[in-house]
Amino acid sequence: MAAREAIRETVASYAHYADSGKFGEFADLFAVDGVLDIRGEAPLNGRDAIRLYLEGVGLDLEAASASTPMIRHHVSNLKITVESPTKATGACYFLAVTEHGVDHWGRYRDEYTPASDGDRWLFAHRSVRTDGRTPGGWAAGRTAG
């Protein structure tokens, strides 16, 4: 139960940090050698690559916004399987909303590993798959998928 709750906190923090532009904290949710794998793009290996990528996405969102940029990721139906004391997997759905309304939606598939402090679980690998985009929305102008 403790592992499941720690994983839920990691998944929730991912959305909150991404949406608030806290890209350093976001990257720290990944293992040092963690991978963020976004369909249609080269996998991002390691915290530094993940942080730099998110900083670029933040600039893209800002450039596409007529007002203060805003994005909110809503995560649902999180299913967690703890396979051992050192490995867990998960799956959930996401819906992203900008200041213009629903923008894009899809799913996450995850592998988790415990942090060295023993209190947290981190992403060892997160696979992001966008299932749909609103025509004319921010994500519709991006190539990843």
Protein backbone atom coordinates (compact mmCIF):
# COMPACT_ATOMS: atom_id res chain seq x y z
CA MET A 1 0.00 0.00 0.00
CA ALA A 2 2.84 2.42 0.77
CA ALA A 3 4.34 1.86 -2.68
CA ARG A 4 1.01 2.48 -4.38
CA GLU A 5 0.47 5.73 -2.49
CA ALA A 6 4.00 6.94 -3.24
CA ILE A 7 3.46 6.16 -6.93
CA ARG A 8 0.14 8.05 -6.93
CA GLU A 9 2.01 11.06 -5.51
CA THR A 10 4.65 10.81 -8.26
CA VAL A 11 2.00 10.68 -10.99
CA ALA A 12 0.10 13.65 -9.52
CA SER A 13 3.31 15.64 -9.07
CA TYR A 14 4.20 15.05 -12.74
CA ALA A 15 1.07 16.91 -13.85
CA HIS A 16 1.37 19.67 -11.26
CA TYR A 17 5.05 20.36 -11.97
CA ALA A 18 4.59 20.31 -15.75
CA ASP A 19 1.57 22.62 -15.59
CA SER A 20 3.25 25.12 -13.25
CA GLY A 21 6.55 25.26 -15.15
CA LYS A 22 8.58 23.61 -12.38
CA PHE A 23 10.73 21.70 -14.84
CA GLY A 24 13.58 20.94 -12.43
CA GLU A 25 11.17 19.32 -9.96
CA PHE A 26 9.49 17.58 -12.89
CA ALA A 27 12.78 16.04 -14.05
CA ASP A 28 13.55 14.93 -10.48
CA LEU A 29 10.50 12.64 -10.63
CA PHE A 30 12.57 10.44 -12.97
CA ALA A 31 15.37 8.11 -11.99
CA VAL A 32 18.79 9.56 -12.87
CA ASP A 33 18.79 7.35 -15.98
CA GLY A 34 15.01 7.57 -16.45
CA VAL A 35 13.43 7.79 -19.90
CA LEU A 36 10.57 9.95 -21.13
CA ASP A 37 9.36 8.37 -24.37
CA ILE A 38 6.93 10.56 -26.33
CA ARG A 39 5.57 8.88 -29.44
CA GLY A 40 6.88 10.59 -32.55
CA GLU A 41 10.01 11.98 -30.88
CA ALA A 42 13.37 10.57 -29.89
CA PRO A 43 13.29 9.20 -26.32
CA LEU A 44 14.64 11.59 -23.70
CA ASN A 45 17.27 9.85 -21.60
CA GLY A 46 18.12 11.26 -18.19
CA ARG A 47 16.95 14.17 -16.08
CA ASP A 48 18.87 16.89 -17.93
CA ALA A 49 17.42 15.95 -21.32
CA ILE A 50 13.92 15.77 -19.84
CA ARG A 51 14.22 19.19 -18.17
CA LEU A 52 15.58 20.84 -21.33
CA TYR A 53 12.79 19.35 -23.43
CA LEU A 54 10.12 20.64 -21.04
CA GLU A 55 11.65 24.10 -21.02
CA GLY A 56 11.28 24.12 -24.82
CA VAL A 57 7.68 22.94 -24.62
CA GLY A 58 6.99 25.72 -22.13
CA LEU A 59 8.36 28.28 -24.60
CA ASP A 60 6.22 26.77 -27.40
CA LEU A 61 3.08 27.01 -25.24
CA GLU A 62 3.91 30.59 -24.31
CA ALA A 63 4.41 31.54 -27.97
CA ALA A 64 1.06 29.98 -28.93
CA SER A 65 -0.90 31.78 -26.20
CA ALA A 66 -2.57 35.13 -26.78
CA SER A 67 -2.76 35.64 -23.01
CA THR A 68 -0.97 34.12 -20.06
CA PRO A 69 -0.23 30.53 -21.15
CA MET A 70 -2.11 27.86 -19.25
CA ILE A 71 -2.21 24.10 -19.51
CA ARG A 72 -3.73 21.64 -17.07
CA HIS A 73 -3.27 17.88 -17.27
CA HIS A 74 -6.04 15.79 -15.74
CA VAL A 75 -4.99 12.19 -15.00
CA SER A 76 -7.50 9.40 -14.41
CA ASN A 77 -7.97 5.65 -14.05
CA LEU A 78 -4.50 5.01 -12.64
CA LYS A 79 -3.81 1.28 -12.43
CA ILE A 80 -0.68 0.28 -10.52
CA THR A 81 0.92 -3.17 -10.34
CA VAL A 82 3.69 -3.60 -7.77
CA GLU A 83 5.77 -6.44 -9.17
CA SER A 84 8.51 -6.51 -6.54
CA PRO A 85 10.08 -4.24 -3.90
CA THR A 86 12.10 -2.63 -6.72
CA LYS A 87 9.72 -2.58 -9.69
CA ALA A 88 6.18 -1.44 -10.40
CA THR A 89 4.23 -0.62 -13.55
CA GLY A 90 1.30 1.66 -14.19
CA ALA A 91 -1.17 2.85 -16.76
CA CYS A 92 -3.51 5.83 -16.84
CA TYR A 93 -5.22 8.32 -19.13
CA PHE A 94 -4.72 12.07 -19.46
CA LEU A 95 -6.73 15.02 -20.74
CA ALA A 96 -4.98 18.36 -21.32
CA VAL A 97 -6.86 21.65 -21.23
CA THR A 98 -5.51 25.08 -22.25
CA GLU A 99 -7.10 28.52 -21.91
CA HIS A 100 -9.03 27.65 -25.11
CA GLY A 101 -10.57 24.41 -23.80
CA VAL A 102 -9.84 20.73 -24.34
CA ASP A 103 -6.59 20.47 -26.32
CA HIS A 104 -5.38 16.86 -26.42
CA TRP A 105 -5.76 13.52 -24.66
CA GLY A 106 -4.06 10.18 -24.44
CA ARG A 107 -2.41 7.65 -22.15
CA TYR A 108 0.66 7.05 -20.06
CA ARG A 109 2.34 3.67 -19.59
CA ASP A 110 4.93 3.62 -16.82
CA GLU A 111 7.67 1.68 -15.14
CA TYR A 112 8.59 2.83 -11.62
CA THR A 113 11.61 2.29 -9.40
CA PRO A 114 12.08 3.24 -5.76
CA ALA A 115 14.20 6.31 -4.99
CA SER A 116 17.38 5.83 -3.00
CA ASP A 117 15.76 7.58 -0.01
CA GLY A 118 13.22 4.74 0.17
CA ASP A 119 10.28 7.13 0.60
CA ARG A 120 9.48 7.88 -3.05
CA TRP A 121 9.03 6.02 -6.30
CA LEU A 122 10.36 7.51 -9.52
CA PHE A 123 9.68 7.01 -13.18
CA ALA A 124 12.17 4.58 -14.68
CA HIS A 125 10.33 4.89 -18.00
CA ARG A 126 7.25 6.88 -19.00
CA SER A 127 5.65 6.30 -22.39
CA VAL A 128 3.34 9.09 -23.61
CA ARG A 129 0.82 8.41 -26.35
CA THR A 130 -1.50 11.17 -27.59
CA ASP A 131 -4.72 9.62 -28.87
CA GLY A 132 -6.38 12.80 -30.13
CA ARG A 133 -6.07 16.56 -30.55
CA THR A 134 -8.56 19.37 -30.98
CA PRO A 135 -8.24 20.85 -34.49
CA GLY A 136 -6.63 24.28 -34.25
CA GLY A 137 -5.44 23.64 -30.68
CA TRP A 138 -1.92 24.00 -29.36
CA ALA A 139 -1.04 20.28 -29.63
CA ALA A 140 -2.48 20.07 -33.15
CA GLY A 141 0.42 22.28 -34.28
CA ARG A 142 3.03 19.96 -32.73
CA THR A 143 4.37 16.92 -34.56
CA ALA A 144 4.78 14.54 -31.61
CA GLY A 145 2.29 12.03 -30.89
